[in-house]
PDB file of all heavy atoms in Angstrom:
ATOM      1  N   MET A   1       0.834  -1.202   0.000  1.00  0.00           N
ATOM      2  CA  MET A   1       0.000   0.000   0.000  1.00  0.00           C
ATOM      3  C   MET A   1       0.872   1.256   0.000  1.00  0.00           C
ATOM      4  O   MET A   1       0.589   2.233  -0.710  1.00  0.00           O
ATOM      5  CB  MET A   1      -0.914   0.008   1.226  1.00  0.00           C
ATOM      6  CG  MET A   1      -1.977  -1.069   1.225  1.00  0.00           C
ATOM      7  SD  MET A   1      -3.043  -0.912   2.692  1.00  0.00           S
ATOM      8  CE  MET A   1      -4.167  -2.288   2.449  1.00  0.00           C
ATOM      9  N   ALA A   2       1.934   1.232   0.784  1.00  0.00           N
ATOM     10  CA  ALA A   2       2.824   2.385   0.880  1.00  0.00           C
ATOM     11  C   ALA A   2       3.468   2.692  -0.467  1.00  0.00           C
ATOM     12  O   ALA A   2       3.691   3.868  -0.803  1.00  0.00           O
ATOM     13  CB  ALA A   2       3.889   2.141   1.939  1.00  0.00           C
ATOM     14  N   GLU A   3       3.770   1.669  -1.249  1.00  0.00           N
ATOM     15  CA  GLU A   3       4.349   1.872  -2.588  1.00  0.00           C
ATOM     16  C   GLU A   3       3.380   2.631  -3.486  1.00  0.00           C
ATOM     17  O   GLU A   3       3.767   3.531  -4.238  1.00  0.00           O
ATOM     18  CB  GLU A   3       4.691   0.516  -3.204  1.00  0.00           C
ATOM     19  CG  GLU A   3       5.156   0.566  -4.648  1.00  0.00           C
ATOM     20  CD  GLU A   3       6.582   1.073  -4.807  1.00  0.00           C
ATOM     21  OE1 GLU A   3       7.258   1.272  -3.777  1.00  0.00           O
ATOM     22  OE2 GLU A   3       7.005   1.281  -5.948  1.00  0.00           O
ATOM     23  N   ARG A   4       2.124   2.288  -3.415  1.00  0.00           N
ATOM     24  CA  ARG A   4       1.122   3.007  -4.195  1.00  0.00           C
ATOM     25  C   ARG A   4       1.013   4.460  -3.720  1.00  0.00           C
ATOM     26  O   ARG A   4       0.862   5.376  -4.522  1.00  0.00           O
ATOM     27  CB  ARG A   4      -0.237   2.300  -4.071  1.00  0.00           C
ATOM     28  CG  ARG A   4      -0.288   0.993  -4.841  1.00  0.00           C
ATOM     29  CD  ARG A   4      -1.572   0.219  -4.596  1.00  0.00           C
ATOM     30  NE  ARG A   4      -1.632  -0.925  -5.484  1.00  0.00           N
ATOM     31  CZ  ARG A   4      -2.217  -0.934  -6.679  1.00  0.00           C
ATOM     32  NH1 ARG A   4      -2.820   0.154  -7.113  1.00  0.00           N
ATOM     33  NH2 ARG A   4      -2.207  -2.009  -7.443  1.00  0.00           N
ATOM     34  N   GLN A   5       1.082   4.641  -2.422  1.00  0.00           N
ATOM     35  CA  GLN A   5       0.969   5.982  -1.868  1.00  0.00           C
ATOM     36  C   GLN A   5       2.164   6.852  -2.251  1.00  0.00           C
ATOM     37  O   GLN A   5       2.004   8.031  -2.609  1.00  0.00           O
ATOM     38  CB  GLN A   5       0.844   5.916  -0.346  1.00  0.00           C
ATOM     39  CG  GLN A   5       0.652   7.266   0.321  1.00  0.00           C
ATOM     40  CD  GLN A   5       0.487   7.137   1.825  1.00  0.00           C
ATOM     41  OE1 GLN A   5       0.924   6.152   2.433  1.00  0.00           O
ATOM     42  NE2 GLN A   5      -0.157   8.106   2.447  1.00  0.00           N
ATOM     43  N   SER A   6       3.345   6.312  -2.192  1.00  0.00           N
ATOM     44  CA  SER A   6       4.546   7.126  -2.399  1.00  0.00           C
ATOM     45  C   SER A   6       4.934   7.266  -3.864  1.00  0.00           C
ATOM     46  O   SER A   6       5.575   8.254  -4.240  1.00  0.00           O
ATOM     47  CB  SER A   6       5.726   6.523  -1.621  1.00  0.00           C
ATOM     48  OG  SER A   6       6.048   5.232  -2.136  1.00  0.00           O
ATOM     49  N   ARG A   7       4.520   6.301  -4.726  1.00  0.00           N
ATOM     50  CA  ARG A   7       5.006   6.348  -6.104  1.00  0.00           C
ATOM     51  C   ARG A   7       3.893   6.297  -7.150  1.00  0.00           C
ATOM     52  O   ARG A   7       3.841   7.132  -8.049  1.00  0.00           O
ATOM     53  CB  ARG A   7       5.994   5.194  -6.339  1.00  0.00           C
ATOM     54  CG  ARG A   7       7.110   5.171  -5.331  1.00  0.00           C
ATOM     55  CD  ARG A   7       8.178   4.171  -5.675  1.00  0.00           C
ATOM     56  NE  ARG A   7       9.059   4.677  -6.726  1.00  0.00           N
ATOM     57  CZ  ARG A   7      10.230   4.133  -7.022  1.00  0.00           C
ATOM     58  NH1 ARG A   7      10.663   3.069  -6.377  1.00  0.00           N
ATOM     59  NH2 ARG A   7      10.980   4.638  -7.987  1.00  0.00           N
ATOM     60  N   LEU A   8       2.996   5.316  -7.056  1.00  0.00           N
ATOM     61  CA  LEU A   8       2.020   5.142  -8.127  1.00  0.00           C
ATOM     62  C   LEU A   8       1.089   6.347  -8.264  1.00  0.00           C
ATOM     63  O   LEU A   8       0.958   6.925  -9.355  1.00  0.00           O
ATOM     64  CB  LEU A   8       1.195   3.876  -7.898  1.00  0.00           C
ATOM     65  CG  LEU A   8       0.065   3.655  -8.920  1.00  0.00           C
ATOM     66  CD1 LEU A   8       0.631   3.506 -10.329  1.00  0.00           C
ATOM     67  CD2 LEU A   8      -0.780   2.440  -8.553  1.00  0.00           C
ATOM     68  N   TYR A   9       0.426   6.729  -7.183  1.00  0.00           N
ATOM     69  CA  TYR A   9      -0.568   7.802  -7.296  1.00  0.00           C
ATOM     70  C   TYR A   9       0.067   9.161  -7.609  1.00  0.00           C
ATOM     71  O   TYR A   9      -0.479   9.908  -8.434  1.00  0.00           O
ATOM     72  CB  TYR A   9      -1.444   7.850  -6.048  1.00  0.00           C
ATOM     73  CG  TYR A   9      -2.296   6.611  -5.890  1.00  0.00           C
ATOM     74  CD1 TYR A   9      -2.284   5.855  -4.727  1.00  0.00           C
ATOM     75  CD2 TYR A   9      -3.095   6.167  -6.939  1.00  0.00           C
ATOM     76  CE1 TYR A   9      -3.052   4.709  -4.602  1.00  0.00           C
ATOM     77  CE2 TYR A   9      -3.864   5.021  -6.820  1.00  0.00           C
ATOM     78  CZ  TYR A   9      -3.836   4.289  -5.654  1.00  0.00           C
ATOM     79  OH  TYR A   9      -4.592   3.147  -5.541  1.00  0.00           O
ATOM     80  N   PRO A  10       1.223   9.506  -7.028  1.00  0.00           N
ATOM     81  CA  PRO A  10       1.868  10.750  -7.461  1.00  0.00           C
ATOM     82  C   PRO A  10       2.241  10.731  -8.951  1.00  0.00           C
ATOM     83  O   PRO A  10       2.105  11.752  -9.640  1.00  0.00           O
ATOM     84  CB  PRO A  10       3.119  10.829  -6.582  1.00  0.00           C
ATOM     85  CG  PRO A  10       2.749  10.074  -5.347  1.00  0.00           C
ATOM     86  CD  PRO A  10       1.896   8.947  -5.832  1.00  0.00           C
ATOM     87  N   ARG A  11       2.682   9.583  -9.452  1.00  0.00           N
ATOM     88  CA  ARG A  11       3.056   9.525 -10.859  1.00  0.00           C
ATOM     89  C   ARG A  11       1.824   9.608 -11.760  1.00  0.00           C
ATOM     90  O   ARG A  11       1.855  10.239 -12.820  1.00  0.00           O
ATOM     91  CB  ARG A  11       3.843   8.237 -11.140  1.00  0.00           C
ATOM     92  CG  ARG A  11       4.486   8.198 -12.509  1.00  0.00           C
ATOM     93  CD  ARG A  11       5.479   9.344 -12.749  1.00  0.00           C
ATOM     94  NE  ARG A  11       6.652   9.219 -11.932  1.00  0.00           N
ATOM     95  CZ  ARG A  11       7.019  10.102 -10.988  1.00  0.00           C
ATOM     96  NH1 ARG A  11       6.270  11.177 -10.753  1.00  0.00           N
ATOM     97  NH2 ARG A  11       8.103   9.923 -10.277  1.00  0.00           N
ATOM     98  N   LEU A  12       0.719   8.990 -11.362  1.00  0.00           N
ATOM     99  CA  LEU A  12      -0.519   9.131 -12.122  1.00  0.00           C
ATOM    100  C   LEU A  12      -0.952  10.587 -12.195  1.00  0.00           C
ATOM    101  O   LEU A  12      -1.372  11.073 -13.250  1.00  0.00           O
ATOM    102  CB  LEU A  12      -1.632   8.289 -11.480  1.00  0.00           C
ATOM    103  CG  LEU A  12      -1.591   6.784 -11.714  1.00  0.00           C
ATOM    104  CD1 LEU A  12      -2.601   6.083 -10.807  1.00  0.00           C
ATOM    105  CD2 LEU A  12      -1.876   6.441 -13.169  1.00  0.00           C
ATOM    106  N   ARG A  13      -0.851  11.286 -11.086  1.00  0.00           N
ATOM    107  CA  ARG A  13      -1.221  12.701 -11.062  1.00  0.00           C
ATOM    108  C   ARG A  13      -0.340  13.503 -12.010  1.00  0.00           C
ATOM    109  O   ARG A  13      -0.822  14.372 -12.745  1.00  0.00           O
ATOM    110  CB  ARG A  13      -1.077  13.249  -9.638  1.00  0.00           C
ATOM    111  CG  ARG A  13      -2.025  12.649  -8.621  1.00  0.00           C
ATOM    112  CD  ARG A  13      -3.382  13.293  -8.666  1.00  0.00           C
ATOM    113  NE  ARG A  13      -3.334  14.695  -8.248  1.00  0.00           N
ATOM    114  CZ  ARG A  13      -4.388  15.502  -8.295  1.00  0.00           C
ATOM    115  NH1 ARG A  13      -5.544  15.066  -8.767  1.00  0.00           N
ATOM    116  NH2 ARG A  13      -4.294  16.752  -7.891  1.00  0.00           N
ATOM    117  N   ASP A  14       0.925  13.198 -12.003  1.00  0.00           N
ATOM    118  CA  ASP A  14       1.891  13.939 -12.814  1.00  0.00           C
ATOM    119  C   ASP A  14       1.699  13.670 -14.306  1.00  0.00           C
ATOM    120  O   ASP A  14       1.454  14.588 -15.102  1.00  0.00           O
ATOM    121  CB  ASP A  14       3.300  13.529 -12.366  1.00  0.00           C
ATOM    122  CG  ASP A  14       4.395  14.152 -13.217  1.00  0.00           C
ATOM    123  OD1 ASP A  14       4.165  15.223 -13.796  1.00  0.00           O
ATOM    124  OD2 ASP A  14       5.486  13.553 -13.303  1.00  0.00           O
ATOM    125  N   VAL A  15       1.770  12.417 -14.715  1.00  0.00           N
ATOM    126  CA  VAL A  15       1.739  12.054 -16.134  1.00  0.00           C
ATOM    127  C   VAL A  15       0.362  12.318 -16.736  1.00  0.00           C
ATOM    128  O   VAL A  15       0.236  12.915 -17.813  1.00  0.00           O
ATOM    129  CB  VAL A  15       2.147  10.581 -16.321  1.00  0.00           C
ATOM    130  CG1 VAL A  15       1.989  10.148 -17.780  1.00  0.00           C
ATOM    131  CG2 VAL A  15       3.597  10.381 -15.872  1.00  0.00           C
ATOM    132  N   PHE A  16      -0.683  11.887 -16.060  1.00  0.00           N
ATOM    133  CA  PHE A  16      -2.014  12.072 -16.611  1.00  0.00           C
ATOM    134  C   PHE A  16      -2.456  13.537 -16.517  1.00  0.00           C
ATOM    135  O   PHE A  16      -3.233  14.006 -17.344  1.00  0.00           O
ATOM    136  CB  PHE A  16      -3.016  11.163 -15.907  1.00  0.00           C
ATOM    137  CG  PHE A  16      -2.884   9.709 -16.308  1.00  0.00           C
ATOM    138  CD1 PHE A  16      -1.792   9.256 -17.024  1.00  0.00           C
ATOM    139  CD2 PHE A  16      -3.850   8.785 -15.968  1.00  0.00           C
ATOM    140  CE1 PHE A  16      -1.660   7.927 -17.392  1.00  0.00           C
ATOM    141  CE2 PHE A  16      -3.749   7.454 -16.332  1.00  0.00           C
ATOM    142  CZ  PHE A  16      -2.636   7.023 -17.040  1.00  0.00           C
ATOM    143  N   GLY A  17      -1.966  14.247 -15.530  1.00  0.00           N
ATOM    144  CA  GLY A  17      -2.276  15.668 -15.447  1.00  0.00           C
ATOM    145  C   GLY A  17      -1.729  16.426 -16.643  1.00  0.00           C
ATOM    146  O   GLY A  17      -2.404  17.297 -17.212  1.00  0.00           O
ATOM    147  N   GLU A  18      -0.513  16.094 -17.035  1.00  0.00           N
ATOM    148  CA  GLU A  18       0.063  16.725 -18.229  1.00  0.00           C
ATOM    149  C   GLU A  18      -0.740  16.352 -19.471  1.00  0.00           C
ATOM    150  O   GLU A  18      -1.009  17.205 -20.335  1.00  0.00           O
ATOM    151  CB  GLU A  18       1.516  16.285 -18.400  1.00  0.00           C
ATOM    152  CG  GLU A  18       2.183  16.916 -19.617  1.00  0.00           C
ATOM    153  CD  GLU A  18       3.606  16.447 -19.826  1.00  0.00           C
ATOM    154  OE1 GLU A  18       3.905  15.268 -19.493  1.00  0.00           O
ATOM    155  OE2 GLU A  18       4.421  17.235 -20.330  1.00  0.00           O
ATOM    156  N   ALA A  19      -1.145  15.084 -19.580  1.00  0.00           N
ATOM    157  CA  ALA A  19      -1.929  14.642 -20.743  1.00  0.00           C
ATOM    158  C   ALA A  19      -3.260  15.384 -20.820  1.00  0.00           C
ATOM    159  O   ALA A  19      -3.702  15.774 -21.907  1.00  0.00           O
ATOM    160  CB  ALA A  19      -2.156  13.134 -20.669  1.00  0.00           C
ATOM    161  N   ILE A  20      -3.890  15.588 -19.691  1.00  0.00           N
ATOM    162  CA  ILE A  20      -5.166  16.319 -19.654  1.00  0.00           C
ATOM    163  C   ILE A  20      -4.977  17.742 -20.175  1.00  0.00           C
ATOM    164  O   ILE A  20      -5.770  18.238 -20.983  1.00  0.00           O
ATOM    165  CB  ILE A  20      -5.732  16.323 -18.220  1.00  0.00           C
ATOM    166  CG1 ILE A  20      -6.264  14.932 -17.859  1.00  0.00           C
ATOM    167  CG2 ILE A  20      -6.838  17.368 -18.064  1.00  0.00           C
ATOM    168  CD1 ILE A  20      -6.534  14.751 -16.379  1.00  0.00           C
ATOM    169  N   ASN A  21      -3.924  18.400 -19.719  1.00  0.00           N
ATOM    170  CA  ASN A  21      -3.668  19.773 -20.172  1.00  0.00           C
ATOM    171  C   ASN A  21      -3.467  19.833 -21.679  1.00  0.00           C
ATOM    172  O   ASN A  21      -3.976  20.736 -22.357  1.00  0.00           O
ATOM    173  CB  ASN A  21      -2.440  20.335 -19.453  1.00  0.00           C
ATOM    174  CG  ASN A  21      -2.701  20.607 -17.984  1.00  0.00           C
ATOM    175  OD1 ASN A  21      -3.841  20.809 -17.577  1.00  0.00           O
ATOM    176  ND2 ASN A  21      -1.652  20.609 -17.183  1.00  0.00           N
ATOM    177  N   ILE A  22      -2.742  18.868 -22.212  1.00  0.00           N
ATOM    178  CA  ILE A  22      -2.494  18.830 -23.655  1.00  0.00           C
ATOM    179  C   ILE A  22      -3.796  18.637 -24.414  1.00  0.00           C
ATOM    180  O   ILE A  22      -4.092  19.354 -25.382  1.00  0.00           O
ATOM    181  CB  ILE A  22      -1.491  17.709 -23.990  1.00  0.00           C
ATOM    182  CG1 ILE A  22      -0.092  18.073 -23.496  1.00  0.00           C
ATOM    183  CG2 ILE A  22      -1.469  17.421 -25.501  1.00  0.00           C
ATOM    184  CD1 ILE A  22       0.911  16.942 -23.574  1.00  0.00           C
ATOM    185  N   LEU A  23      -4.597  17.678 -24.001  1.00  0.00           N
ATOM    186  CA  LEU A  23      -5.861  17.398 -24.685  1.00  0.00           C
ATOM    187  C   LEU A  23      -6.800  18.593 -24.635  1.00  0.00           C
ATOM    188  O   LEU A  23      -7.471  18.921 -25.624  1.00  0.00           O
ATOM    189  CB  LEU A  23      -6.527  16.164 -24.065  1.00  0.00           C
ATOM    190  CG  LEU A  23      -5.849  14.827 -24.355  1.00  0.00           C
ATOM    191  CD1 LEU A  23      -6.418  13.735 -23.449  1.00  0.00           C
ATOM    192  CD2 LEU A  23      -6.017  14.425 -25.814  1.00  0.00           C
ATOM    193  N   GLU A  24      -6.857  19.245 -23.492  1.00  0.00           N
ATOM    194  CA  GLU A  24      -7.751  20.397 -23.368  1.00  0.00           C
ATOM    195  C   GLU A  24      -7.272  21.571 -24.220  1.00  0.00           C
ATOM    196  O   GLU A  24      -8.076  22.231 -24.892  1.00  0.00           O
ATOM    197  CB  GLU A  24      -7.866  20.804 -21.896  1.00  0.00           C
ATOM    198  CG  GLU A  24      -8.663  19.814 -21.069  1.00  0.00           C
ATOM    199  CD  GLU A  24      -8.790  20.199 -19.611  1.00  0.00           C
ATOM    200  OE1 GLU A  24      -7.949  20.980 -19.118  1.00  0.00           O
ATOM    201  OE2 GLU A  24      -9.725  19.709 -18.951  1.00  0.00           O
ATOM    202  N   GLU A  25      -5.984  21.821 -24.188  1.00  0.00           N
ATOM    203  CA  GLU A  25      -5.449  22.943 -24.966  1.00  0.00           C
ATOM    204  C   GLU A  25      -5.687  22.749 -26.459  1.00  0.00           C
ATOM    205  O   GLU A  25      -6.111  23.673 -27.168  1.00  0.00           O
ATOM    206  CB  GLU A  25      -3.949  23.090 -24.701  1.00  0.00           C
ATOM    207  CG  GLU A  25      -3.614  23.664 -23.337  1.00  0.00           C
ATOM    208  CD  GLU A  25      -2.126  23.640 -23.061  1.00  0.00           C
ATOM    209  OE1 GLU A  25      -1.347  23.383 -24.020  1.00  0.00           O
ATOM    210  OE2 GLU A  25      -1.727  23.872 -21.909  1.00  0.00           O
ATOM    211  N   GLU A  26      -5.403  21.553 -26.968  1.00  0.00           N
ATOM    212  CA  GLU A  26      -5.519  21.321 -28.406  1.00  0.00           C
ATOM    213  C   GLU A  26      -6.975  21.203 -28.852  1.00  0.00           C
ATOM    214  O   GLU A  26      -7.352  21.707 -29.907  1.00  0.00           O
ATOM    215  CB  GLU A  26      -4.735  20.065 -28.798  1.00  0.00           C
ATOM    216  CG  GLU A  26      -3.229  20.191 -28.636  1.00  0.00           C
ATOM    217  CD  GLU A  26      -2.636  21.291 -29.494  1.00  0.00           C
ATOM    218  OE1 GLU A  26      -3.169  21.560 -30.593  1.00  0.00           O
ATOM    219  OE2 GLU A  26      -1.634  21.906 -29.068  1.00  0.00           O
ATOM    220  N   SER A  27      -7.803  20.540 -28.055  1.00  0.00           N
ATOM    221  CA  SER A  27      -9.190  20.331 -28.479  1.00  0.00           C
ATOM    222  C   SER A  27     -10.004  21.617 -28.405  1.00  0.00           C
ATOM    223  O   SER A  27     -11.010  21.765 -29.112  1.00  0.00           O
ATOM    224  CB  SER A  27      -9.850  19.238 -27.641  1.00  0.00           C
ATOM    225  OG  SER A  27      -9.959  19.618 -26.278  1.00  0.00           O
ATOM    226  N   ASP A  28      -9.591  22.561 -27.567  1.00  0.00           N
ATOM    227  CA  ASP A  28     -10.290  23.843 -27.500  1.00  0.00           C
ATOM    228  C   ASP A  28     -10.193  24.618 -28.813  1.00  0.00           C
ATOM    229  O   ASP A  28     -10.978  25.541 -29.051  1.00  0.00           O
ATOM    230  CB  ASP A  28      -9.733  24.695 -26.355  1.00  0.00           C
ATOM    231  CG  ASP A  28     -10.301  24.287 -25.001  1.00  0.00           C
ATOM    232  OD1 ASP A  28     -11.297  23.534 -24.982  1.00  0.00           O
ATOM    233  OD2 ASP A  28      -9.744  24.712 -23.978  1.00  0.00           O
ATOM    234  N   LYS A  29      -9.261  24.231 -29.659  1.00  0.00           N
ATOM    235  CA  LYS A  29      -9.059  24.923 -30.931  1.00  0.00           C
ATOM    236  C   LYS A  29      -9.931  24.360 -32.048  1.00  0.00           C
ATOM    237  O   LYS A  29      -9.949  24.920 -33.142  1.00  0.00           O
ATOM    238  CB  LYS A  29      -7.591  24.825 -31.354  1.00  0.00           C
ATOM    239  CG  LYS A  29      -6.593  25.347 -30.334  1.00  0.00           C
ATOM    240  CD  LYS A  29      -5.162  25.009 -30.750  1.00  0.00           C
ATOM    241  CE  LYS A  29      -4.166  25.399 -29.666  1.00  0.00           C
ATOM    242  NZ  LYS A  29      -2.783  24.985 -30.031  1.00  0.00           N
ATOM    243  N   SER A  30     -10.637  23.250 -31.776  1.00  0.00           N
ATOM    244  CA  SER A  30     -11.353  22.568 -32.860  1.00  0.00           C
ATOM    245  C   SER A  30     -12.604  21.867 -32.346  1.00  0.00           C
ATOM    246  O   SER A  30     -12.504  21.003 -31.458  1.00  0.00           O
ATOM    247  CB  SER A  30     -10.425  21.535 -33.514  1.00  0.00           C
ATOM    248  OG  SER A  30     -11.134  20.622 -34.302  1.00  0.00           O
ATOM    249  N   PRO A  31     -13.792  22.173 -32.894  1.00  0.00           N
ATOM    250  CA  PRO A  31     -15.006  21.438 -32.510  1.00  0.00           C
ATOM    251  C   PRO A  31     -14.878  19.939 -32.793  1.00  0.00           C
ATOM    252  O   PRO A  31     -15.338  19.115 -31.999  1.00  0.00           O
ATOM    253  CB  PRO A  31     -16.096  22.084 -33.378  1.00  0.00           C
ATOM    254  CG  PRO A  31     -15.573  23.430 -33.721  1.00  0.00           C
ATOM    255  CD  PRO A  31     -14.088  23.274 -33.834  1.00  0.00           C
TER     256      PRO A  31
END
């Protein structure tokens, strides 16, 4: 459980957070 707390969930926040920003920025330019 501690491994998920210290590494998995922070990395999900980091990598997927960047992906979300990219998708939102690019898709806002096109219906």
